[in-house]
Amino acid sequence: MMTVGDLLADTTFSPETILMTEEKKRIIRLLMTNLPENEQKVIWYRFNFDNEVHTKTLREISDLLGVSAETVRQTELRALRHMRAAMEQDEEALTA
């Protein structure tokens, strides 16, 4: 069973992994559709969906969203819990 951590933790880069990376991003985007907007934004920035050179820090995201870094941290954890629960409930639909 694939976990949200498996989807987000891949830091390798090679031509062979490009397709898999795109598939992981597709699954994460699908999971994100059911999140509240603030959770979507945090995941988007935290895990580099804007294709910048580095992932944004809690402080950088807090500056962008106008909230504290602690609020960003809590929002990230909440979003990951929601995404994990969605994967567990409907893993077959995500891989179809």
Foldseek 3Di string as FASTA:
>chain_A
DDALCNLQVDPDDDPVCPVVVVLSVVLVVVLLVPPPPLLSQLCCQQRPVVVDPDRDQLCRVCVVVVHHSVVSVVSPVVSSVSSRVVCVVCVPVSVD
